[in-house]
C-alpha cells in the first residue's frame, strides 16, 4: 500500500503546525510543506514587535472565544480539543518556554520570535516533513476520480496528493484556490488598526497614554460598539488596546462607512457622569482662585487635561470661580463623552490582520475538513476567523492547524 501523500500550502504558523501534527500522528505519511516565498514564517518573525506573542494566558475555552469578533461559535468546540494550555505544553515539550506578562500575553522567555521560528523549523525537519520554499502554487484541481488533488506549481511541475491543507493566511492566491475548489469567501477587510483623527491639537499630544478609557463607535448617527481599555495618542490620531479591539469588532461596519465615523471617548470610565460633575464642583469650590489649567482635580495627564479644557472653551488664564454652569457642563461633557471624528485607518505596526475568508459553515470544526470537498482542510487566517490583539490570532492558528493535521494523518479522516 502506497504511503499517504499529504501537501500543506502555506509556510506560516498554521502551515508549519499542521504539517508537524500530521507527520507525528502518521509517521508513514509523506508530508510536503510548500511556501511561495523564500522566507517561511515571516509573519511570526516580526510579530509582537519581534518577540512573538505566541498565545494568551486564558485557559477556559468559554472565556477564550470571547476574544474573537468572528469565529467564536465555531472555535468553542475546537478549543475544548486544543487550547492555549495545550500550546504552552507543546512548546515546552519542544524546549521553548513561555512567560506571561501582566496583561495576559505570552511570549518566549528569550523575548525573541527567532526562538519560535527555530523551534518550528527544527520540528518540521525532525518529523520528516519535506519543506519546499520559493515554490508558488498557480492552481489546484481535483483529480479525475475525485480521490485527491493535482497541485500545479509556477515552475510547471505538478504535485499529486491525497489530502490537502490550505494554510495560506490572508493571501489572495489562497482565497482563489479555495474559491475554485467550490468554497465561498467572505470578503476580506482589514481588522486590528488604529484611528486617524484630523485634530492637530490632539496629535501634538503624541506619546500621552491613559490607562483606561471607554470608547463608543457611532456610524451614521447610531451607536454601534464599545470597548474599555488603555489608549495611546499618536502623531496620526489614536492607538492602544482599546482602539485595536474596537477596530476588530467594528471592522466590517467601519469598512462599509469608508472609515468615517464618530468616536465618543469617556476619559473617566470608572465614574458616573454625575460623579464627575460633583468632583468638578468640589474642585471649583476648593480652588476657586486657582487657574483651571493648573488644578485639574481629575486623574488625567496634565497635557491631556489642558487639551480637554480648551475643547470646552476654557483658556489657560481662566480660574475655577469664573466659569459658568454652561462651561462646566461642557467640561463634564468633554470628559465623559467627547466626540472625535475618525477620518481613516492607520496600521498596527507590521501585524496586519484581516477578517473574512472561507465561510465557516462550509468547514467541519472537529477535523477542519471541508464539508464540500473531501480531503481538503483549512487552518489559520484563510478562515473567516480573527481575534483581538493579545495572542489570540496565533492561538486560533495553532488550534485549527493541530486539528487539521491530526485529522489528515488518520485513515478515517476522508469523507466517504
Protein backbone atom coordinates (compact mmCIF):
# COMPACT_ATOMS: atom_id res chain seq x y z
CA UNK A 1 0.00 0.00 0.00
CA UNK A 2 1.40 3.39 -1.01
CA UNK A 3 2.00 5.90 1.79
CA UNK A 4 -0.48 8.70 2.19
CA UNK A 5 0.56 11.80 0.21
CA UNK A 6 -0.25 14.99 2.07
CA UNK A 7 0.50 18.57 0.99
CA UNK A 8 0.27 21.73 3.09
CA UNK A 9 0.23 25.00 1.17
CA UNK A 10 1.42 27.97 3.23
CA UNK A 11 4.60 28.22 5.27
CA UNK A 12 3.29 30.34 8.12
CA UNK A 13 2.41 29.43 11.69
CA UNK A 14 -0.65 27.35 10.75
CA UNK A 15 1.07 25.59 7.86
CA UNK A 16 4.08 24.54 9.93
CA UNK A 17 2.00 23.48 12.91
CA UNK A 18 -0.40 21.47 10.75
CA UNK A 19 2.40 19.70 8.88
CA UNK A 20 4.17 18.80 12.14
CA UNK A 21 0.95 17.46 13.70
CA UNK A 22 0.19 15.39 10.62
CA UNK A 23 3.66 13.85 10.44
CA UNK A 24 3.54 12.96 14.12
CA UNK A 25 0.15 11.23 14.00
CA UNK A 26 1.12 9.32 10.85
CA UNK A 27 4.90 8.85 10.54
CA UNK A 28 4.38 6.76 7.40
CA UNK A 29 2.67 9.59 5.52
CA UNK A 30 4.72 11.70 3.11
CA UNK A 31 4.04 15.29 4.14
CA UNK A 32 5.18 18.17 1.93
CA UNK A 33 5.02 21.79 3.09
CA UNK A 34 5.03 24.37 0.28
CA UNK A 35 5.80 28.08 0.76
CA UNK A 36 5.72 30.59 -2.10
CA UNK A 37 8.35 32.96 -0.69
CA UNK A 38 11.98 32.30 0.17
CA UNK A 39 11.30 33.21 3.82
CA UNK A 40 8.94 30.88 5.69
CA UNK A 41 7.36 32.07 8.96
CA UNK A 42 7.99 35.71 8.00
CA UNK A 43 4.94 36.96 9.92
CA UNK A 44 5.95 35.01 13.02
CA UNK A 45 9.36 36.66 12.88
CA UNK A 46 8.00 40.23 13.01
CA UNK A 47 5.03 39.60 15.29
CA UNK A 48 4.84 41.10 18.76
CA UNK A 49 7.49 43.67 17.93
CA UNK A 50 9.93 40.85 17.15
CA UNK A 51 9.07 38.92 20.34
CA UNK A 52 6.14 36.79 19.03
CA UNK A 53 3.01 36.89 21.16
CA UNK A 54 2.52 33.11 21.00
CA UNK A 55 -0.81 32.92 22.85
CA UNK A 56 -2.78 34.36 25.76
CA UNK A 57 -2.98 33.06 29.32
CA UNK A 58 -6.70 32.29 29.07
CA UNK A 59 -7.27 28.60 29.71
CA UNK A 60 -11.07 28.43 29.72
CA UNK A 61 -12.48 27.80 26.21
CA UNK A 62 -15.66 29.69 27.08
CA UNK A 63 -13.67 32.79 28.03
CA UNK A 64 -11.16 32.36 25.23
CA UNK A 65 -13.77 32.54 22.45
CA UNK A 66 -14.96 35.94 23.71
CA UNK A 67 -11.87 37.45 22.12
CA UNK A 68 -12.90 36.59 18.56
CA UNK A 69 -15.16 39.07 16.73
CA UNK A 70 -15.60 36.43 14.03
CA UNK A 71 -15.33 32.68 14.61
CA UNK A 72 -16.20 32.45 18.31
CA UNK A 73 -19.03 29.95 17.90
CA UNK A 74 -17.03 27.68 15.59
CA UNK A 75 -13.97 27.78 17.84
CA UNK A 76 -15.86 26.90 21.03
CA UNK A 77 -15.66 23.16 20.41
CA UNK A 78 -12.23 23.37 18.78
CA UNK A 79 -10.78 24.96 21.93
CA UNK A 80 -12.01 22.04 24.04
CA UNK A 81 -9.69 19.85 21.95
CA UNK A 82 -6.67 22.17 21.72
CA UNK A 83 -6.42 25.48 23.54
CA UNK A 84 -3.86 27.89 24.98
CA UNK A 85 -2.76 25.49 27.72
CA UNK A 86 -2.01 22.87 25.08
CA UNK A 87 0.01 25.41 23.09
CA UNK A 88 2.13 26.19 26.16
CA UNK A 89 2.69 22.47 26.77
CA UNK A 90 3.54 21.79 23.10
CA UNK A 91 6.25 24.43 23.00
CA UNK A 92 7.63 23.36 26.40
CA UNK A 93 7.90 19.79 25.10
CA UNK A 94 9.93 21.18 22.20
CA UNK A 95 12.26 23.10 24.51
CA UNK A 96 10.61 26.53 24.30
CA UNK A 97 9.22 28.00 27.50
CA UNK A 98 6.73 30.84 27.60
CA UNK A 99 6.25 33.63 30.14
CA UNK A 100 3.07 35.53 30.96
CA UNK A 101 3.05 39.32 31.10
CA UNK A 102 0.72 41.36 33.31
CA UNK A 103 -1.86 41.79 30.54
CA UNK A 104 -2.02 38.03 29.86
CA UNK A 105 0.08 37.98 26.68
CA UNK A 106 2.51 35.09 26.48
CA UNK A 107 5.97 35.33 24.92
CA UNK A 108 9.02 33.05 24.78
CA UNK A 109 11.26 33.63 27.79
CA UNK A 110 14.03 34.51 25.35
CA UNK A 111 12.00 37.57 24.28
CA UNK A 112 12.70 36.91 20.61
CA UNK A 113 10.48 35.48 17.88
CA UNK A 114 13.53 33.74 16.40
CA UNK A 115 13.11 31.15 19.16
CA UNK A 116 9.66 30.23 17.85
CA UNK A 117 10.78 30.21 14.22
CA UNK A 118 13.78 27.99 15.00
CA UNK A 119 11.60 25.62 17.02
CA UNK A 120 9.08 25.16 14.21
CA UNK A 121 11.75 24.73 11.53
CA UNK A 122 13.55 22.15 13.68
CA UNK A 123 10.28 20.30 14.39
CA UNK A 124 9.48 20.15 10.67
CA UNK A 125 12.91 18.75 9.92
CA UNK A 126 12.90 16.11 12.68
CA UNK A 127 9.35 14.99 11.83
CA UNK A 128 10.35 14.19 8.26
CA UNK A 129 8.24 16.87 6.59
CA UNK A 130 9.63 17.92 3.22
CA UNK A 131 9.88 21.73 3.15
CA UNK A 132 9.83 23.45 -0.23
CA UNK A 133 10.35 27.22 -0.17
CA UNK A 134 10.25 29.64 -3.10
CA UNK A 135 7.57 27.43 -4.65
CA UNK A 136 4.45 29.37 -5.71
CA UNK A 137 1.29 27.43 -6.50
CA UNK A 138 -0.74 28.58 -9.51
CA UNK A 139 -3.78 26.29 -9.21
CA UNK A 140 -5.23 23.20 -7.52
CA UNK A 141 -7.63 20.80 -9.17
CA UNK A 142 -9.43 17.67 -8.09
CA UNK A 143 -8.20 14.51 -9.79
CA UNK A 144 -10.49 12.93 -12.36
CA UNK A 145 -11.61 10.32 -9.84
CA UNK A 146 -12.10 12.92 -7.08
CA UNK A 147 -9.76 10.99 -4.80
CA UNK A 148 -7.02 13.56 -4.49
CA UNK A 149 -5.59 16.79 -5.84
CA UNK A 150 -3.27 17.93 -8.61
CA UNK A 151 -1.24 20.97 -7.50
CA UNK A 152 0.24 22.96 -10.37
CA UNK A 153 3.34 24.93 -9.46
CA UNK A 154 4.55 28.10 -11.16
CA UNK A 155 7.56 26.13 -12.36
CA UNK A 156 5.24 23.90 -14.40
CA UNK A 157 5.63 20.91 -12.08
CA UNK A 158 2.53 19.08 -10.84
CA UNK A 159 2.39 17.54 -7.38
CA UNK A 160 -0.25 14.93 -6.60
CA UNK A 161 -1.63 14.36 -3.13
CA UNK A 162 -4.40 12.51 -1.30
CA UNK A 163 -5.12 15.27 1.19
CA UNK A 164 -4.51 18.98 1.11
CA UNK A 165 -4.30 21.64 3.82
CA UNK A 166 -4.72 25.27 2.78
CA UNK A 167 -2.97 27.48 5.34
CA UNK A 168 -2.27 30.47 3.12
CA UNK A 169 -3.32 33.21 5.55
CA UNK A 170 -4.99 36.24 4.03
CA UNK A 171 -3.28 35.65 0.68
CA UNK A 172 -5.47 36.38 -2.32
CA UNK A 173 -3.90 33.36 -4.02
CA UNK A 174 -5.17 31.14 -1.22
CA UNK A 175 -8.67 32.58 -1.44
CA UNK A 176 -8.59 31.98 -5.21
CA UNK A 177 -7.70 28.30 -4.75
CA UNK A 178 -10.45 27.81 -2.15
CA UNK A 179 -12.99 29.54 -4.39
CA UNK A 180 -12.01 27.46 -7.43
CA UNK A 181 -12.48 24.32 -5.35
CA UNK A 182 -16.07 25.40 -4.61
CA UNK A 183 -15.89 27.43 -1.40
CA UNK A 184 -17.46 30.78 -0.67
CA UNK A 185 -15.17 33.54 0.57
CA UNK A 186 -16.39 36.21 2.96
CA UNK A 187 -14.87 39.43 1.60
CA UNK A 188 -11.61 40.15 3.44
CA UNK A 189 -11.35 43.57 5.07
CA UNK A 190 -8.77 44.98 7.50
CA UNK A 191 -9.03 44.33 11.22
CA UNK A 192 -6.80 45.49 14.10
CA UNK A 193 -5.97 49.02 13.00
CA UNK A 194 -5.55 52.45 14.57
CA UNK A 195 -7.73 55.52 14.02
CA UNK A 196 -6.74 58.62 12.09
CA UNK A 197 -8.09 61.75 13.81
CA UNK A 198 -7.77 65.08 11.96
CA UNK A 199 -7.17 67.18 15.07
CA UNK A 200 -3.74 68.79 15.11
CA UNK A 201 -4.01 69.77 18.78
CA UNK A 202 -4.70 66.15 19.70
CA UNK A 203 -1.84 64.91 17.54
CA UNK A 204 0.52 67.27 19.36
CA UNK A 205 -0.08 65.11 22.44
CA UNK A 206 1.58 62.11 20.73
CA UNK A 207 3.01 59.78 23.36
CA UNK A 208 0.44 60.59 26.04
CA UNK A 209 -1.36 57.49 27.31
CA UNK A 210 -4.32 56.82 29.59
CA UNK A 211 -4.65 53.54 31.47
CA UNK A 212 -8.38 53.18 30.98
CA UNK A 213 -10.91 54.91 28.74
CA UNK A 214 -14.26 53.85 27.37
CA UNK A 215 -14.71 54.17 23.61
CA UNK A 216 -18.02 54.10 21.76
CA UNK A 217 -18.25 53.92 18.00
CA UNK A 218 -21.01 55.83 16.22
CA UNK A 219 -21.59 55.30 12.49
CA UNK A 220 -24.36 57.15 10.71
CA UNK A 221 -25.55 58.60 13.99
CA UNK A 222 -26.09 55.17 15.54
CA UNK A 223 -24.01 53.92 18.46
CA UNK A 224 -22.55 50.60 17.38
CA UNK A 225 -19.92 49.13 19.68
CA UNK A 226 -17.86 49.95 22.73
CA UNK A 227 -14.58 48.92 24.33
CA UNK A 228 -12.77 49.84 27.54
CA UNK A 229 -9.00 49.75 27.99
CA UNK A 230 -5.72 51.63 27.62
CA UNK A 231 -5.44 54.36 24.97
CA UNK A 232 -2.38 55.93 23.33
CA UNK A 233 -2.37 59.25 21.49
CA UNK A 234 -0.19 59.19 18.36
CA UNK A 235 1.01 61.65 15.73
CA UNK A 236 -1.82 60.43 13.44
CA UNK A 237 -4.60 60.01 16.00
CA UNK A 238 -5.38 57.21 18.45
CA UNK A 239 -4.00 53.74 19.15
CA UNK A 240 -3.65 51.38 22.09
CA UNK A 241 -5.50 48.18 23.11
CA UNK A 242 -8.94 49.84 23.41
CA UNK A 243 -8.72 51.23 19.86
CA UNK A 244 -7.38 47.99 18.38
CA UNK A 245 -10.13 45.92 19.99
CA UNK A 246 -12.79 48.37 18.82
CA UNK A 247 -11.36 48.25 15.28
CA UNK A 248 -11.59 44.45 15.31
CA UNK A 249 -15.21 44.32 16.45
CA UNK A 250 -16.12 47.18 14.12
CA UNK A 251 -14.04 46.01 11.15
CA UNK A 252 -16.96 45.49 8.76
CA UNK A 253 -19.09 48.47 9.73
CA UNK A 254 -16.04 50.76 9.54
CA UNK A 255 -15.10 49.35 6.15
CA UNK A 256 -18.64 49.96 4.89
CA UNK A 257 -18.50 53.57 6.13
CA UNK A 258 -15.11 54.07 4.43
CA UNK A 259 -13.56 54.61 7.87
CA UNK A 260 -15.60 57.75 8.50
CA UNK A 261 -17.21 57.62 11.94
CA UNK A 262 -17.60 59.38 15.27
CA UNK A 263 -15.71 58.16 18.31
CA UNK A 264 -17.12 59.01 21.75
CA UNK A 265 -14.47 58.98 24.49
CA UNK A 266 -15.16 58.71 28.21
CA UNK A 267 -11.83 59.64 29.77
CA UNK A 268 -13.06 58.69 33.28
CA UNK A 269 -14.94 55.38 32.80
CA UNK A 270 -14.70 54.45 36.48
CA UNK A 271 -17.01 57.36 37.38
CA UNK A 272 -20.64 58.05 36.53
CA UNK A 273 -21.26 61.35 34.75
CA UNK A 274 -22.89 62.84 37.85
CA UNK A 275 -19.89 61.77 39.95
CA UNK A 276 -17.62 63.61 37.52
CA UNK A 277 -19.82 66.69 37.83
CA UNK A 278 -19.70 66.58 41.63
CA UNK A 279 -15.93 66.10 41.58
CA UNK A 280 -15.51 69.12 39.30
CA UNK A 281 -17.81 71.21 41.52
CA UNK A 282 -15.78 70.22 44.58
CA UNK A 283 -12.58 71.36 42.84
CA UNK A 284 -14.29 74.61 41.86
CA UNK A 285 -15.30 75.27 45.48
CA UNK A 286 -11.86 74.43 46.89
CA UNK A 287 -9.66 76.03 44.23
CA UNK A 288 -11.85 78.95 43.14
CA UNK A 289 -8.96 81.39 42.78
CA UNK A 290 -6.66 78.90 41.05
CA UNK A 291 -6.12 78.53 37.30
CA UNK A 292 -8.15 75.65 35.89
CA UNK A 293 -5.28 74.64 33.61
CA UNK A 294 -3.03 74.01 36.62
CA UNK A 295 -5.51 72.48 39.07
CA UNK A 296 -7.35 69.69 37.27
CA UNK A 297 -8.93 67.71 40.08
CA UNK A 298 -9.24 64.54 37.93
CA UNK A 299 -6.75 61.75 37.31
CA UNK A 300 -5.58 62.59 33.80
CA UNK A 301 -2.17 63.55 32.33
CA UNK A 302 -1.56 67.29 32.63
CA UNK A 303 -1.16 67.92 28.89
CA UNK A 304 -4.34 65.99 28.12
CA UNK A 305 -6.23 68.00 30.75
CA UNK A 306 -5.14 71.25 29.13
CA UNK A 307 -6.31 69.95 25.74
CA UNK A 308 -9.71 68.88 27.12
CA UNK A 309 -10.43 72.18 28.87
CA UNK A 310 -9.56 74.04 25.66
CA UNK A 311 -12.18 71.92 23.85
CA UNK A 312 -14.68 73.14 26.47
CA UNK A 313 -13.74 76.75 25.72
CA UNK A 314 -11.61 77.30 28.82
CA UNK A 315 -8.39 79.33 28.45
CA UNK A 316 -5.17 78.88 30.39
CA UNK A 317 -5.91 82.08 32.33
CA UNK A 318 -9.44 81.14 33.40
CA UNK A 319 -9.93 80.45 37.10
CA UNK A 320 -12.31 77.97 38.63
CA UNK A 321 -14.51 80.63 40.26
CA UNK A 322 -15.03 82.34 36.90
CA UNK A 323 -16.53 79.51 34.84
CA UNK A 324 -20.28 79.43 34.26
CA UNK A 325 -22.55 76.45 34.72
CA UNK A 326 -22.78 76.18 30.93
CA UNK A 327 -18.99 75.93 30.63
CA UNK A 328 -18.87 73.45 33.49
CA UNK A 329 -21.45 71.30 31.69
CA UNK A 330 -19.34 71.45 28.52
CA UNK A 331 -16.29 70.32 30.51
CA UNK A 332 -18.18 67.36 32.01
CA UNK A 333 -19.39 66.50 28.50
CA UNK A 334 -15.83 66.53 27.13
CA UNK A 335 -14.60 64.36 29.99
CA UNK A 336 -17.34 61.73 29.69
CA UNK A 337 -18.43 61.72 26.04
CA UNK A 338 -16.17 63.90 23.96
CA UNK A 339 -16.68 63.49 20.21
CA UNK A 340 -13.77 62.80 17.84
CA UNK A 341 -14.12 62.32 14.10
CA UNK A 342 -12.42 59.22 12.65
CA UNK A 343 -11.15 60.16 9.19
CA UNK A 344 -9.42 56.93 8.18
CA UNK A 345 -7.44 53.99 9.47
CA UNK A 346 -3.79 53.50 10.27
CA UNK A 347 -1.98 50.19 10.65
CA UNK A 348 -0.95 48.19 13.69
CA UNK A 349 2.80 48.00 13.16
CA UNK A 350 3.55 45.12 10.78
CA UNK A 351 0.84 42.86 12.19
CA UNK A 352 -1.80 43.28 9.52
CA UNK A 353 -4.85 41.17 10.33
CA UNK A 354 -7.94 40.72 8.18
CA UNK A 355 -11.43 39.50 8.85
CA UNK A 356 -13.01 37.47 6.10
CA UNK A 357 -12.05 34.23 4.40
CA UNK A 358 -13.54 30.78 3.89
CA UNK A 359 -17.17 30.61 5.07
CA UNK A 360 -17.15 28.77 8.40
CA UNK A 361 -20.43 26.98 7.66
CA UNK A 362 -18.56 25.04 4.98
CA UNK A 363 -15.97 23.58 7.39
CA UNK A 364 -16.22 20.76 9.94
CA UNK A 365 -14.55 22.21 13.03
CA UNK A 366 -13.94 18.79 14.56
CA UNK A 367 -11.47 17.96 11.80
CA UNK A 368 -11.13 21.26 9.85
CA UNK A 369 -12.12 19.32 6.74
CA UNK A 370 -14.21 20.92 4.04
CA UNK A 371 -17.86 19.87 4.05
CA UNK A 372 -17.87 20.39 0.28
CA UNK A 373 -14.59 18.81 -0.86
CA UNK A 374 -13.48 15.58 0.86
CA UNK A 375 -9.76 15.59 1.64
CA UNK A 376 -9.48 19.40 1.68
CA UNK A 377 -8.64 21.07 5.02
CA UNK A 378 -8.24 24.63 6.26
CA UNK A 379 -6.26 26.24 9.08
CA UNK A 380 -5.34 29.73 10.21
CA UNK A 381 -6.26 33.06 8.76
CA UNK A 382 -7.62 31.73 5.45
CA UNK A 383 -10.76 31.05 7.51
CA UNK A 384 -13.22 33.80 8.39
CA UNK A 385 -11.79 33.97 11.91
CA UNK A 386 -9.98 36.82 13.58
CA UNK A 387 -9.19 37.73 17.16
CA UNK A 388 -8.37 40.89 19.02
CA UNK A 389 -4.77 41.75 19.83
CA UNK A 390 -3.02 39.74 22.54
CA UNK A 391 -2.01 36.39 21.03
CA UNK A 392 -5.50 35.27 20.04
CA UNK A 393 -4.88 35.13 16.28
CA UNK A 394 -1.89 32.85 16.82
CA UNK A 395 -3.96 30.66 19.13
CA UNK A 396 -6.67 30.11 16.51
CA UNK A 397 -3.90 29.23 14.04
CA UNK A 398 -2.32 26.68 16.42
CA UNK A 399 -5.71 25.14 17.23
CA UNK A 400 -7.11 24.83 13.70
CA UNK A 401 -3.76 23.59 12.37
CA UNK A 402 -3.41 20.97 15.10
CA UNK A 403 -6.90 19.63 14.45
CA UNK A 404 -6.38 19.62 10.68
CA UNK A 405 -3.00 17.93 10.91
CA UNK A 406 -4.27 15.18 13.17
CA UNK A 407 -7.34 14.56 11.02
CA UNK A 408 -5.36 14.47 7.76
CA UNK A 409 -2.94 11.94 9.14
CA UNK A 410 -5.57 9.42 10.19
CA UNK A 411 -7.06 6.81 7.87
CA UNK A 412 -10.62 7.78 8.80
CA UNK A 413 -10.36 11.48 8.02
CA UNK A 414 -11.65 11.32 4.44
CA UNK A 415 -15.39 11.64 3.96
CA UNK A 416 -16.98 8.73 2.17
